[in-house]
Amino acid sequence: MDSALQTVVTRQENKIKQEIMENVLKTKLETVNKDISSASETLTKVKQNAEEEKLRESKTCNLIIHNVPEPDNPNKEDRVKHDKDFCLKTFNKILQVGVGRSDMKKMMRLGKYTSSTAATGNT
């Protein structure tokens, strides 16, 4: 009878040890999941901050010029050339700042072109 009792006790001890190990593993897994979730949130915030900084940096050289006369020309390329020439003249001759065409990466007018806008001079 002692050996049967010993076998039952050993089985119970093993079962308890297994349950303890499962609980420990479950707790560690939950901790790891929380850490991963926290790291993921931090990474998302860092990416968002980096994107905002990149956007802010890309706008550091933006310039808006008001009241630039709009040419009465339906050809878009000619209007863009006119605007670039106007800016180059303004920067180089009036403001005396050394600016070349290659310094102007992108140029655009705000609003939609209409021939009546060009005729009246309103932008």
PDB file of N, CA and C in Angstrom:
ATOM      1  N   MET A   1       0.811  -1.183   0.000  1.00  0.00           N
ATOM      2  CA  MET A   1       0.000   0.000   0.000  1.00  0.00           C
ATOM      3  C   MET A   1       0.860   1.254   0.000  1.00  0.00           C
ATOM      4  N   ASP A   2       2.009   1.185   0.611  1.00  0.00           N
ATOM      5  CA  ASP A   2       2.905   2.338   0.645  1.00  0.00           C
ATOM      6  C   ASP A   2       3.334   2.759  -0.746  1.00  0.00           C
ATOM      7  N   SER A   3       3.606   1.788  -1.601  1.00  0.00           N
ATOM      8  CA  SER A   3       4.046   2.123  -2.950  1.00  0.00           C
ATOM      9  C   SER A   3       2.914   2.748  -3.749  1.00  0.00           C
ATOM     10  N   ALA A   4       1.671   2.300  -3.546  1.00  0.00           N
ATOM     11  CA  ALA A   4       0.525   2.898  -4.235  1.00  0.00           C
ATOM     12  C   ALA A   4       0.317   4.321  -3.738  1.00  0.00           C
ATOM     13  N   LEU A   5       0.447   4.542  -2.468  1.00  0.00           N
ATOM     14  CA  LEU A   5       0.308   5.872  -1.889  1.00  0.00           C
ATOM     15  C   LEU A   5       1.430   6.779  -2.377  1.00  0.00           C
ATOM     16  N   GLN A   6       2.629   6.227  -2.436  1.00  0.00           N
ATOM     17  CA  GLN A   6       3.782   6.998  -2.924  1.00  0.00           C
ATOM     18  C   GLN A   6       3.566   7.404  -4.374  1.00  0.00           C
ATOM     19  N   THR A   7       3.005   6.519  -5.172  1.00  0.00           N
ATOM     20  CA  THR A   7       2.736   6.808  -6.586  1.00  0.00           C
ATOM     21  C   THR A   7       1.724   7.932  -6.706  1.00  0.00           C
ATOM     22  N   VAL A   8       0.675   7.907  -5.911  1.00  0.00           N
ATOM     23  CA  VAL A   8      -0.354   8.961  -5.933  1.00  0.00           C
ATOM     24  C   VAL A   8       0.263  10.292  -5.518  1.00  0.00           C
ATOM     25  N   VAL A   9       1.053  10.261  -4.467  1.00  0.00           N
ATOM     26  CA  VAL A   9       1.693  11.492  -3.983  1.00  0.00           C
ATOM     27  C   VAL A   9       2.626  12.054  -5.062  1.00  0.00           C
ATOM     28  N   THR A  10       3.396  11.193  -5.692  1.00  0.00           N
ATOM     29  CA  THR A  10       4.323  11.626  -6.741  1.00  0.00           C
ATOM     30  C   THR A  10       3.558  12.235  -7.902  1.00  0.00           C
ATOM     31  N   ARG A  11       2.454  11.602  -8.281  1.00  0.00           N
ATOM     32  CA  ARG A  11       1.623  12.146  -9.377  1.00  0.00           C
ATOM     33  C   ARG A  11       1.069  13.513  -9.003  1.00  0.00           C
ATOM     34  N   GLN A  12       0.599  13.657  -7.786  1.00  0.00           N
ATOM     35  CA  GLN A  12       0.046  14.933  -7.329  1.00  0.00           C
ATOM     36  C   GLN A  12       1.142  16.012  -7.307  1.00  0.00           C
ATOM     37  N   GLU A  13       2.325  15.623  -6.817  1.00  0.00           N
ATOM     38  CA  GLU A  13       3.439  16.583  -6.795  1.00  0.00           C
ATOM     39  C   GLU A  13       3.786  17.024  -8.211  1.00  0.00           C
ATOM     40  N   ASN A  14       3.842  16.072  -9.137  1.00  0.00           N
ATOM     41  CA  ASN A  14       4.145  16.391 -10.532  1.00  0.00           C
ATOM     42  C   ASN A  14       3.062  17.284 -11.144  1.00  0.00           C
ATOM     43  N   LYS A  15       1.806  16.989 -10.816  1.00  0.00           N
ATOM     44  CA  LYS A  15       0.692  17.787 -11.333  1.00  0.00           C
ATOM     45  C   LYS A  15       0.770  19.220 -10.797  1.00  0.00           C
ATOM     46  N   ILE A  16       1.076  19.351  -9.514  1.00  0.00           N
ATOM     47  CA  ILE A  16       1.208  20.679  -8.902  1.00  0.00           C
ATOM     48  C   ILE A  16       2.380  21.429  -9.517  1.00  0.00           C
ATOM     49  N   LYS A  17       3.511  20.738  -9.715  1.00  0.00           N
ATOM     50  CA  LYS A  17       4.682  21.367 -10.333  1.00  0.00           C
ATOM     51  C   LYS A  17       4.347  21.850 -11.753  1.00  0.00           C
ATOM     52  N   GLN A  18       3.597  21.014 -12.491  1.00  0.00           N
ATOM     53  CA  GLN A  18       3.219  21.365 -13.856  1.00  0.00           C
ATOM     54  C   GLN A  18       2.305  22.594 -13.859  1.00  0.00           C
ATOM     55  N   GLU A  19       1.342  22.626 -12.935  1.00  0.00           N
ATOM     56  CA  GLU A  19       0.443  23.776 -12.840  1.00  0.00           C
ATOM     57  C   GLU A  19       1.216  25.040 -12.479  1.00  0.00           C
ATOM     58  N   ILE A  20       2.166  24.915 -11.557  1.00  0.00           N
ATOM     59  CA  ILE A  20       2.999  26.062 -11.169  1.00  0.00           C
ATOM     60  C   ILE A  20       3.793  26.554 -12.370  1.00  0.00           C
ATOM     61  N   MET A  21       4.392  25.629 -13.119  1.00  0.00           N
ATOM     62  CA  MET A  21       5.178  26.001 -14.298  1.00  0.00           C
ATOM     63  C   MET A  21       4.289  26.672 -15.352  1.00  0.00           C
ATOM     64  N   GLU A  22       3.074  26.110 -15.544  1.00  0.00           N
ATOM     65  CA  GLU A  22       2.148  26.708 -16.508  1.00  0.00           C
ATOM     66  C   GLU A  22       1.773  28.128 -16.087  1.00  0.00           C
ATOM     67  N   ASN A  23       1.532  28.333 -14.786  1.00  0.00           N
ATOM     68  CA  ASN A  23       1.191  29.669 -14.291  1.00  0.00           C
ATOM     69  C   ASN A  23       2.362  30.639 -14.453  1.00  0.00           C
ATOM     70  N   VAL A  24       3.565  30.139 -14.152  1.00  0.00           N
ATOM     71  CA  VAL A  24       4.757  30.974 -14.312  1.00  0.00           C
ATOM     72  C   VAL A  24       4.926  31.356 -15.778  1.00  0.00           C
ATOM     73  N   LEU A  25       4.809  30.369 -16.676  1.00  0.00           N
ATOM     74  CA  LEU A  25       4.945  30.630 -18.107  1.00  0.00           C
ATOM     75  C   LEU A  25       3.857  31.585 -18.603  1.00  0.00           C
ATOM     76  N   LYS A  26       2.634  31.394 -18.121  1.00  0.00           N
ATOM     77  CA  LYS A  26       1.526  32.266 -18.516  1.00  0.00           C
ATOM     78  C   LYS A  26       1.798  33.702 -18.073  1.00  0.00           C
ATOM     79  N   THR A  27       2.271  33.859 -16.838  1.00  0.00           N
ATOM     80  CA  THR A  27       2.594  35.182 -16.318  1.00  0.00           C
ATOM     81  C   THR A  27       3.717  35.826 -17.124  1.00  0.00           C
ATOM     82  N   LYS A  28       4.757  35.053 -17.425  1.00  0.00           N
ATOM     83  CA  LYS A  28       5.868  35.588 -18.217  1.00  0.00           C
ATOM     84  C   LYS A  28       5.419  35.957 -19.624  1.00  0.00           C
ATOM     85  N   LEU A  29       4.561  35.124 -20.211  1.00  0.00           N
ATOM     86  CA  LEU A  29       4.037  35.399 -21.547  1.00  0.00           C
ATOM     87  C   LEU A  29       3.208  36.682 -21.551  1.00  0.00           C
ATOM     88  N   GLU A  30       2.390  36.868 -20.540  1.00  0.00           N
ATOM     89  CA  GLU A  30       1.595  38.094 -20.435  1.00  0.00           C
ATOM     90  C   GLU A  30       2.499  39.318 -20.303  1.00  0.00           C
ATOM     91  N   THR A  31       3.559  39.179 -19.517  1.00  0.00           N
ATOM     92  CA  THR A  31       4.517  40.268 -19.344  1.00  0.00           C
ATOM     93  C   THR A  31       5.205  40.596 -20.667  1.00  0.00           C
ATOM     94  N   VAL A  32       5.607  39.564 -21.383  1.00  0.00           N
ATOM     95  CA  VAL A  32       6.264  39.764 -22.680  1.00  0.00           C
ATOM     96  C   VAL A  32       5.292  40.427 -23.663  1.00  0.00           C
ATOM     97  N   ASN A  33       4.040  39.981 -23.670  1.00  0.00           N
ATOM     98  CA  ASN A  33       3.041  40.589 -24.552  1.00  0.00           C
ATOM     99  C   ASN A  33       2.833  42.061 -24.222  1.00  0.00           C
ATOM    100  N   LYS A  34       2.791  42.395 -22.937  1.00  0.00           N
ATOM    101  CA  LYS A  34       2.644  43.791 -22.534  1.00  0.00           C
ATOM    102  C   LYS A  34       3.858  44.606 -22.974  1.00  0.00           C
ATOM    103  N   ASP A  35       5.050  44.019 -22.810  1.00  0.00           N
ATOM    104  CA  ASP A  35       6.273  44.709 -23.234  1.00  0.00           C
ATOM    105  C   ASP A  35       6.289  44.925 -24.745  1.00  0.00           C
ATOM    106  N   ILE A  36       5.862  43.921 -25.501  1.00  0.00           N
ATOM    107  CA  ILE A  36       5.810  44.055 -26.955  1.00  0.00           C
ATOM    108  C   ILE A  36       4.799  45.119 -27.349  1.00  0.00           C
ATOM    109  N   SER A  37       3.660  45.116 -26.693  1.00  0.00           N
ATOM    110  CA  SER A  37       2.633  46.116 -26.979  1.00  0.00           C
ATOM    111  C   SER A  37       3.143  47.513 -26.669  1.00  0.00           C
ATOM    112  N   SER A  38       3.813  47.652 -25.543  1.00  0.00           N
ATOM    113  CA  SER A  38       4.379  48.944 -25.161  1.00  0.00           C
ATOM    114  C   SER A  38       5.449  49.390 -26.152  1.00  0.00           C
ATOM    115  N   ALA A  39       6.301  48.454 -26.557  1.00  0.00           N
ATOM    116  CA  ALA A  39       7.350  48.775 -27.535  1.00  0.00           C
ATOM    117  C   ALA A  39       6.734  49.160 -28.874  1.00  0.00           C
ATOM    118  N   SER A  40       5.680  48.495 -29.250  1.00  0.00           N
ATOM    119  CA  SER A  40       4.992  48.802 -30.506  1.00  0.00           C
ATOM    120  C   SER A  40       4.390  50.204 -30.469  1.00  0.00           C
ATOM    121  N   GLU A  41       3.775  50.553 -29.344  1.00  0.00           N
ATOM    122  CA  GLU A  41       3.208  51.903 -29.188  1.00  0.00           C
ATOM    123  C   GLU A  41       4.312  52.954 -29.247  1.00  0.00           C
ATOM    124  N   THR A  42       5.419  52.674 -28.583  1.00  0.00           N
ATOM    125  CA  THR A  42       6.553  53.604 -28.598  1.00  0.00           C
ATOM    126  C   THR A  42       7.094  53.755 -30.009  1.00  0.00           C
ATOM    127  N   LEU A  43       7.231  52.663 -30.718  1.00  0.00           N
ATOM    128  CA  LEU A  43       7.720  52.700 -32.097  1.00  0.00           C
ATOM    129  C   LEU A  43       6.776  53.513 -32.982  1.00  0.00           C
ATOM    130  N   THR A  44       5.487  53.329 -32.810  1.00  0.00           N
ATOM    131  CA  THR A  44       4.507  54.088 -33.580  1.00  0.00           C
ATOM    132  C   THR A  44       4.650  55.584 -33.303  1.00  0.00           C
ATOM    133  N   LYS A  45       4.821  55.943 -32.031  1.00  0.00           N
ATOM    134  CA  LYS A  45       4.991  57.356 -31.674  1.00  0.00           C
ATOM    135  C   LYS A  45       6.284  57.920 -32.253  1.00  0.00           C
ATOM    136  N   VAL A  46       7.344  57.133 -32.211  1.00  0.00           N
ATOM    137  CA  VAL A  46       8.632  57.583 -32.762  1.00  0.00           C
ATOM    138  C   VAL A  46       8.514  57.790 -34.269  1.00  0.00           C
ATOM    139  N   LYS A  47       7.856  56.846 -34.951  1.00  0.00           N
ATOM    140  CA  LYS A  47       7.656  56.992 -36.396  1.00  0.00           C
ATOM    141  C   LYS A  47       6.835  58.241 -36.707  1.00  0.00           C
ATOM    142  N   GLN A  48       5.786  58.469 -35.941  1.00  0.00           N
ATOM    143  CA  GLN A  48       4.928  59.637 -36.150  1.00  0.00           C
ATOM    144  C   GLN A  48       5.735  60.916 -35.928  1.00  0.00           C
ATOM    145  N   ASN A  49       6.528  60.958 -34.870  1.00  0.00           N
ATOM    146  CA  ASN A  49       7.353  62.139 -34.610  1.00  0.00           C
ATOM    147  C   ASN A  49       8.377  62.349 -35.715  1.00  0.00           C
ATOM    148  N   ALA A  50       8.948  61.257 -36.215  1.00  0.00           N
ATOM    149  CA  ALA A  50       9.929  61.367 -37.301  1.00  0.00           C
ATOM    150  C   ALA A  50       9.273  61.895 -38.572  1.00  0.00           C
ATOM    151  N   GLU A  51       8.065  61.418 -38.860  1.00  0.00           N
ATOM    152  CA  GLU A  51       7.347  61.905 -40.049  1.00  0.00           C
ATOM    153  C   GLU A  51       7.007  63.379 -39.903  1.00  0.00           C
ATOM    154  N   GLU A  52       6.567  63.786 -38.711  1.00  0.00           N
ATOM    155  CA  GLU A  52       6.257  65.193 -38.479  1.00  0.00           C
ATOM    156  C   GLU A  52       7.508  66.054 -38.628  1.00  0.00           C
ATOM    157  N   GLU A  53       8.619  65.576 -38.101  1.00  0.00           N
ATOM    158  CA  GLU A  53       9.879  66.318 -38.209  1.00  0.00           C
ATOM    159  C   GLU A  53      10.332  66.406 -39.661  1.00  0.00           C
ATOM    160  N   LYS A  54      10.176  65.323 -40.396  1.00  0.00           N
ATOM    161  CA  LYS A  54      10.547  65.319 -41.812  1.00  0.00           C
ATOM    162  C   LYS A  54       9.683  66.304 -42.583  1.00  0.00           C
ATOM    163  N   LEU A  55       8.389  66.330 -42.308  1.00  0.00           N
ATOM    164  CA  LEU A  55       7.488  67.264 -42.969  1.00  0.00           C
ATOM    165  C   LEU A  55       7.856  68.699 -42.615  1.00  0.00           C
ATOM    166  N   ARG A  56       8.125  68.934 -41.336  1.00  0.00           N
ATOM    167  CA  ARG A  56       8.509  70.267 -40.883  1.00  0.00           C
ATOM    168  C   ARG A  56       9.805  70.706 -41.573  1.00  0.00           C
ATOM    169  N   GLU A  57      10.753  69.773 -41.670  1.00  0.00           N
ATOM    170  CA  GLU A  57      12.029  70.084 -42.303  1.00  0.00           C
ATOM    171  C   GLU A  57      11.855  70.364 -43.789  1.00  0.00           C
ATOM    172  N   SER A  58      10.955  69.627 -44.431  1.00  0.00           N
ATOM    173  CA  SER A  58      10.740  69.839 -45.867  1.00  0.00           C
ATOM    174  C   SER A  58      10.102  71.197 -46.144  1.00  0.00           C
ATOM    175  N   LYS A  59       9.447  71.769 -45.148  1.00  0.00           N
ATOM    176  CA  LYS A  59       8.791  73.059 -45.331  1.00  0.00           C
ATOM    177  C   LYS A  59       9.657  74.240 -44.894  1.00  0.00           C
ATOM    178  N   THR A  60      10.862  73.975 -44.430  1.00  0.00           N
ATOM    179  CA  THR A  60      11.687  75.066 -43.933  1.00  0.00           C
ATOM    180  C   THR A  60      12.094  76.034 -45.036  1.00  0.00           C
ATOM    181  N   CYS A  61      12.125  75.568 -46.255  1.00  0.00           N
ATOM    182  CA  CYS A  61      12.538  76.435 -47.363  1.00  0.00           C
ATOM    183  C   CYS A  61      11.362  76.876 -48.221  1.00  0.00           C
ATOM    184  N   ASN A  62      10.152  76.639 -47.777  1.00  0.00           N
ATOM    185  CA  ASN A  62       8.984  77.075 -48.540  1.00  0.00           C
ATOM    186  C   ASN A  62       8.845  78.581 -48.449  1.00  0.00           C
ATOM    187  N   LEU A  63       8.366  79.155 -49.524  1.00  0.00           N
ATOM    188  CA  LEU A  63       8.213  80.598 -49.589  1.00  0.00           C
ATOM    189  C   LEU A  63       6.924  80.895 -50.330  1.00  0.00           C
ATOM    190  N   ILE A  64       6.110  81.770 -49.790  1.00  0.00           N
ATOM    191  CA  ILE A  64       4.878  82.189 -50.451  1.00  0.00           C
ATOM    192  C   ILE A  64       5.025  83.658 -50.813  1.00  0.00           C
ATOM    193  N   ILE A  65       4.795  83.958 -52.073  1.00  0.00           N
ATOM    194  CA  ILE A  65       4.912  85.328 -52.562  1.00  0.00           C
ATOM    195  C   ILE A  65       3.521  85.767 -53.005  1.00  0.00           C
ATOM    196  N   HIS A  66       3.072  86.899 -52.474  1.00  0.00           N
ATOM    197  CA  HIS A  66       1.746  87.426 -52.790  1.00  0.00           C
ATOM    198  C   HIS A  66       1.833  88.456 -53.909  1.00  0.00           C
ATOM    199  N   ASN A  67       0.717  88.631 -54.597  1.00  0.00           N
ATOM    200  CA  ASN A  67       0.536  89.671 -55.607  1.00  0.00           C
ATOM    201  C   ASN A  67       1.512  89.570 -56.772  1.00  0.00           C
ATOM    202  N   VAL A  68       1.851  88.363 -57.167  1.00  0.00           N
ATOM    203  CA  VAL A  68       2.668  88.173 -58.364  1.00  0.00           C
ATOM    204  C   VAL A  68       1.726  88.310 -59.554  1.00  0.00           C
ATOM    205  N   PRO A  69       2.040  89.198 -60.490  1.00  0.00           N
ATOM    206  CA  PRO A  69       1.146  89.365 -61.638  1.00  0.00           C
ATOM    207  C   PRO A  69       1.038  88.070 -62.433  1.00  0.00           C
ATOM    208  N   GLU A  70      -0.184  87.737 -62.795  1.00  0.00           N
ATOM    209  CA  GLU A  70      -0.405  86.499 -63.544  1.00  0.00           C
ATOM    210  C   GLU A  70      -0.416  86.816 -65.030  1.00  0.00           C
ATOM    211  N   PRO A  71       0.399  86.103 -65.808  1.00  0.00           N
ATOM    212  CA  PRO A  71       0.446  86.378 -67.243  1.00  0.00           C
ATOM    213  C   PRO A  71      -0.850  85.946 -67.931  1.00  0.00           C
ATOM    214  N   ASP A  72      -1.215  86.661 -68.992  1.00  0.00           N
ATOM    215  CA  ASP A  72      -2.408  86.309 -69.756  1.00  0.00           C
ATOM    216  C   ASP A  72      -1.994  85.342 -70.850  1.00  0.00           C
ATOM    217  N   ASN A  73      -1.673  84.122 -70.449  1.00  0.00           N
ATOM    218  CA  ASN A  73      -1.183  83.114 -71.380  1.00  0.00           C
ATOM    219  C   ASN A  73      -1.828  81.781 -71.019  1.00  0.00           C
ATOM    220  N   PRO A  74      -2.562  81.159 -71.946  1.00  0.00           N
ATOM    221  CA  PRO A  74      -3.232  79.894 -71.619  1.00  0.00           C
ATOM    222  C   PRO A  74      -2.270  78.711 -71.484  1.00  0.00           C
ATOM    223  N   ASN A  75      -1.045  78.839 -71.951  1.00  0.00           N
ATOM    224  CA  ASN A  75      -0.073  77.750 -71.894  1.00  0.00           C
ATOM    225  C   ASN A  75       0.545  77.679 -70.498  1.00  0.00           C
ATOM    226  N   LYS A  76       0.348  76.555 -69.833  1.00  0.00           N
ATOM    227  CA  LYS A  76       0.817  76.394 -68.451  1.00  0.00           C
ATOM    228  C   LYS A  76       2.332  76.526 -68.339  1.00  0.00           C
ATOM    229  N   GLU A  77       3.074  75.903 -69.272  1.00  0.00           N
ATOM    230  CA  GLU A  77       4.537  75.966 -69.221  1.00  0.00           C
ATOM    231  C   GLU A  77       5.034  77.404 -69.330  1.00  0.00           C
ATOM    232  N   ASP A  78       4.376  78.192 -70.168  1.00  0.00           N
ATOM    233  CA  ASP A  78       4.770  79.603 -70.301  1.00  0.00           C
ATOM    234  C   ASP A  78       4.479  80.383 -69.019  1.00  0.00           C
ATOM    235  N   ARG A  79       3.354  80.065 -68.378  1.00  0.00           N
ATOM    236  CA  ARG A  79       3.023  80.753 -67.113  1.00  0.00           C
ATOM    237  C   ARG A  79       4.037  80.381 -66.028  1.00  0.00           C
ATOM    238  N   VAL A  80       4.425  79.110 -65.976  1.00  0.00           N
ATOM    239  CA  VAL A  80       5.421  78.665 -64.986  1.00  0.00           C
ATOM    240  C   VAL A  80       6.757  79.357 -65.260  1.00  0.00           C
ATOM    241  N   LYS A  81       7.152  79.428 -66.540  1.00  0.00           N
ATOM    242  CA  LYS A  81       8.404  80.106 -66.906  1.00  0.00           C
ATOM    243  C   LYS A  81       8.336  81.570 -66.494  1.00  0.00           C
ATOM    244  N   HIS A  82       7.204  82.211 -66.725  1.00  0.00           N
ATOM    245  CA  HIS A  82       7.034  83.611 -66.325  1.00  0.00           C
ATOM    246  C   HIS A  82       7.202  83.762 -64.809  1.00  0.00           C
ATOM    247  N   ASP A  83       6.584  82.850 -64.054  1.00  0.00           N
ATOM    248  CA  ASP A  83       6.680  82.914 -62.591  1.00  0.00           C
ATOM    249  C   ASP A  83       8.119  82.705 -62.113  1.00  0.00           C
ATOM    250  N   LYS A  84       8.826  81.749 -62.731  1.00  0.00           N
ATOM    251  CA  LYS A  84      10.228  81.521 -62.354  1.00  0.00           C
ATOM    252  C   LYS A  84      11.077  82.740 -62.685  1.00  0.00           C
ATOM    253  N   ASP A  85      10.849  83.319 -63.864  1.00  0.00           N
ATOM    254  CA  ASP A  85      11.602  84.520 -64.250  1.00  0.00           C
ATOM    255  C   ASP A  85      11.321  85.666 -63.278  1.00  0.00           C
ATOM    256  N   PHE A  86      10.051  85.812 -62.893  1.00  0.00           N
ATOM    257  CA  PHE A  86       9.679  86.863 -61.946  1.00  0.00           C
ATOM    258  C   PHE A  86      10.404  86.664 -60.611  1.00  0.00           C
ATOM    259  N   CYS A  87      10.421  85.408 -60.129  1.00  0.00           N
ATOM    260  CA  CYS A  87      11.077  85.117 -58.850  1.00  0.00           C
ATOM    261  C   CYS A  87      12.584  85.335 -58.944  1.00  0.00           C
ATOM    262  N   LEU A  88      13.194  84.879 -60.025  1.00  0.00           N
ATOM    263  CA  LEU A  88      14.638  85.084 -60.197  1.00  0.00           C
ATOM    264  C   LEU A  88      14.970  86.569 -60.227  1.00  0.00           C
ATOM    265  N   LYS A  89      14.166  87.353 -60.945  1.00  0.00           N
ATOM    266  CA  LYS A  89      14.391  88.809 -61.007  1.00  0.00           C
ATOM    267  C   LYS A  89      14.224  89.414 -59.612  1.00  0.00           C
ATOM    268  N   THR A  90      13.188  89.000 -58.910  1.00  0.00           N
ATOM    269  CA  THR A  90      12.944  89.547 -57.569  1.00  0.00           C
ATOM    270  C   THR A  90      14.087  89.201 -56.618  1.00  0.00           C
ATOM    271  N   PHE A  91      14.503  87.937 -56.602  1.00  0.00           N
ATOM    272  CA  PHE A  91      15.559  87.513 -55.680  1.00  0.00           C
ATOM    273  C   PHE A  91      16.916  88.111 -56.036  1.00  0.00           C
ATOM    274  N   ASN A  92      17.273  88.046 -57.303  1.00  0.00           N
ATOM    275  CA  ASN A  92      18.628  88.423 -57.715  1.00  0.00           C
ATOM    276  C   ASN A  92      18.820  89.921 -57.906  1.00  0.00           C
ATOM    277  N   LYS A  93      17.844  90.599 -58.512  1.00  0.00           N
ATOM    278  CA  LYS A  93      18.041  92.022 -58.812  1.00  0.00           C
ATOM    279  C   LYS A  93      17.506  92.932 -57.715  1.00  0.00           C
ATOM    280  N   ILE A  94      16.365  92.596 -57.172  1.00  0.00           N
ATOM    281  CA  ILE A  94      15.756  93.477 -56.162  1.00  0.00           C
ATOM    282  C   ILE A  94      16.289  93.160 -54.770  1.00  0.00           C
ATOM    283  N   LEU A  95      16.234  91.893 -54.384  1.00  0.00           N
ATOM    284  CA  LEU A  95      16.695  91.501 -53.045  1.00  0.00           C
ATOM    285  C   LEU A  95      18.188  91.217 -53.002  1.00  0.00           C
ATOM    286  N   GLN A  96      18.798  91.064 -54.162  1.00  0.00           N
ATOM    287  CA  GLN A  96      20.225  90.787 -54.307  1.00  0.00           C
ATOM    288  C   GLN A  96      20.648  89.540 -53.521  1.00  0.00           C
ATOM    289  N   VAL A  97      19.882  88.488 -53.734  1.00  0.00           N
ATOM    290  CA  VAL A  97      20.163  87.184 -53.147  1.00  0.00           C
ATOM    291  C   VAL A  97      20.518  86.258 -54.310  1.00  0.00           C
ATOM    292  N   GLY A  98      21.606  85.529 -54.199  1.00  0.00           N
ATOM    293  CA  GLY A  98      22.035  84.645 -55.282  1.00  0.00           C
ATOM    294  C   GLY A  98      21.184  83.400 -55.386  1.00  0.00           C
ATOM    295  N   VAL A  99      20.204  83.431 -56.280  1.00  0.00           N
ATOM    296  CA  VAL A  99      19.320  82.287 -56.475  1.00  0.00           C
ATOM    297  C   VAL A  99      19.345  81.919 -57.956  1.00  0.00           C
ATOM    298  N   GLY A 100      19.470  80.620 -58.232  1.00  0.00           N
ATOM    299  CA  GLY A 100      19.427  80.129 -59.603  1.00  0.00           C
ATOM    300  C   GLY A 100      18.211  79.269 -59.835  1.00  0.00           C
ATOM    301  N   ARG A 101      17.956  78.956 -61.104  1.00  0.00           N
ATOM    302  CA  ARG A 101      16.795  78.109 -61.434  1.00  0.00           C
ATOM    303  C   ARG A 101      16.875  76.758 -60.722  1.00  0.00           C
ATOM    304  N   SER A 102      18.075  76.235 -60.554  1.00  0.00           N
ATOM    305  CA  SER A 102      18.218  74.926 -59.909  1.00  0.00           C
ATOM    306  C   SER A 102      17.870  74.977 -58.417  1.00  0.00           C
ATOM    307  N   ASP A 103      17.869  76.166 -57.838  1.00  0.00           N
ATOM    308  CA  ASP A 103      17.502  76.305 -56.426  1.00  0.00           C
ATOM    309  C   ASP A 103      15.990  76.174 -56.220  1.00  0.00           C
ATOM    310  N   MET A 104      15.232  76.411 -57.269  1.00  0.00           N
ATOM    311  CA  MET A 104      13.768  76.323 -57.179  1.00  0.00           C
ATOM    312  C   MET A 104      13.348  74.912 -57.563  1.00  0.00           C
ATOM    313  N   LYS A 105      12.995  74.117 -56.555  1.00  0.00           N
ATOM    314  CA  LYS A 105      12.658  72.719 -56.800  1.00  0.00           C
ATOM    315  C   LYS A 105      11.250  72.563 -57.333  1.00  0.00           C
ATOM    316  N   LYS A 106      10.328  73.331 -56.793  1.00  0.00           N
ATOM    317  CA  LYS A 106       8.936  73.215 -57.211  1.00  0.00           C
ATOM    318  C   LYS A 106       8.289  74.581 -57.071  1.00  0.00           C
ATOM    319  N   MET A 107       7.463  74.903 -58.034  1.00  0.00           N
ATOM    320  CA  MET A 107       6.783  76.190 -57.992  1.00  0.00           C
ATOM    321  C   MET A 107       5.336  75.950 -58.381  1.00  0.00           C
ATOM    322  N   MET A 108       4.447  76.585 -57.669  1.00  0.00           N
ATOM    323  CA  MET A 108       3.032  76.445 -58.004  1.00  0.00           C
ATOM    324  C   MET A 108       2.267  77.690 -57.578  1.00  0.00           C
ATOM    325  N   ARG A 109       1.202  77.930 -58.277  1.00  0.00           N
ATOM    326  CA  ARG A 109       0.291  79.012 -57.913  1.00  0.00           C
ATOM    327  C   ARG A 109      -0.873  78.428 -57.133  1.00  0.00           C
ATOM    328  N   LEU A 110      -1.348  79.195 -56.192  1.00  0.00           N
ATOM    329  CA  LEU A 110      -2.521  78.770 -55.438  1.00  0.00           C
ATOM    330  C   LEU A 110      -3.757  79.201 -56.220  1.00  0.00           C
ATOM    331  N   GLY A 111      -4.729  78.339 -56.297  1.00  0.00           N
ATOM    332  CA  GLY A 111      -5.950  78.659 -57.034  1.00  0.00           C
ATOM    333  C   GLY A 111      -5.882  78.155 -58.460  1.00  0.00           C
ATOM    334  N   LYS A 112      -7.029  78.130 -59.090  1.00  0.00           N
ATOM    335  CA  LYS A 112      -7.140  77.618 -60.448  1.00  0.00           C
ATOM    336  C   LYS A 112      -7.000  78.755 -61.444  1.00  0.00           C
ATOM    337  N   TYR A 113      -6.287  78.485 -62.524  1.00  0.00           N
ATOM    338  CA  TYR A 113      -6.080  79.497 -63.549  1.00  0.00           C
ATOM    339  C   TYR A 113      -7.355  79.687 -64.359  1.00  0.00           C
ATOM    340  N   THR A 114      -7.703  80.924 -64.530  1.00  0.00           N
ATOM    341  CA  THR A 114      -8.777  81.270 -65.463  1.00  0.00           C
ATOM    342  C   THR A 114      -8.299  82.496 -66.227  1.00  0.00           C
ATOM    343  N   SER A 115      -8.719  82.611 -67.458  1.00  0.00           N
ATOM    344  CA  SER A 115      -8.269  83.754 -68.269  1.00  0.00           C
ATOM    345  C   SER A 115      -8.800  85.059 -67.685  1.00  0.00           C
ATOM    346  N   SER A 116      -9.949  85.029 -67.008  1.00  0.00           N
ATOM    347  CA  SER A 116     -10.479  86.260 -66.392  1.00  0.00           C
ATOM    348  C   SER A 116      -9.602  86.683 -65.214  1.00  0.00           C
ATOM    349  N   THR A 117      -9.028  85.720 -64.492  1.00  0.00           N
ATOM    350  CA  THR A 117      -8.118  86.043 -63.389  1.00  0.00           C
ATOM    351  C   THR A 117      -6.878  86.747 -63.924  1.00  0.00           C
ATOM    352  N   ALA A 118      -6.360  86.232 -65.023  1.00  0.00           N
ATOM    353  CA  ALA A 118      -5.151  86.832 -65.621  1.00  0.00           C
ATOM    354  C   ALA A 118      -5.462  88.220 -66.163  1.00  0.00           C
ATOM    355  N   ALA A 119      -6.647  88.391 -66.743  1.00  0.00           N
ATOM    356  CA  ALA A 119      -7.008  89.679 -67.325  1.00  0.00           C
ATOM    357  C   ALA A 119      -7.194  90.758 -66.273  1.00  0.00           C
ATOM    358  N   THR A 120      -7.792  90.378 -65.128  1.00  0.00           N
ATOM    359  CA  THR A 120      -8.047  91.372 -64.072  1.00  0.00           C
ATOM    360  C   THR A 120      -6.839  91.557 -63.177  1.00  0.00           C
ATOM    361  N   GLY A 121      -5.941  90.579 -63.177  1.00  0.00           N
ATOM    362  CA  GLY A 121      -4.753  90.672 -62.317  1.00  0.00           C
ATOM    363  C   GLY A 121      -5.000  90.182 -60.908  1.00  0.00           C
ATOM    364  N   ASN A 122      -6.176  89.635 -60.623  1.00  0.00           N
ATOM    365  CA  ASN A 122      -6.486  89.095 -59.286  1.00  0.00           C
ATOM    366  C   ASN A 122      -6.014  87.664 -59.204  1.00  0.00           C
ATOM    367  N   THR A 123      -5.378  87.313 -58.086  1.00  0.00           N
ATOM    368  CA  THR A 123      -4.905  85.946 -57.910  1.00  0.00           C
ATOM    369  C   THR A 123      -5.617  85.276 -56.781  1.00  0.00           C
TER     370      THR A 123
END
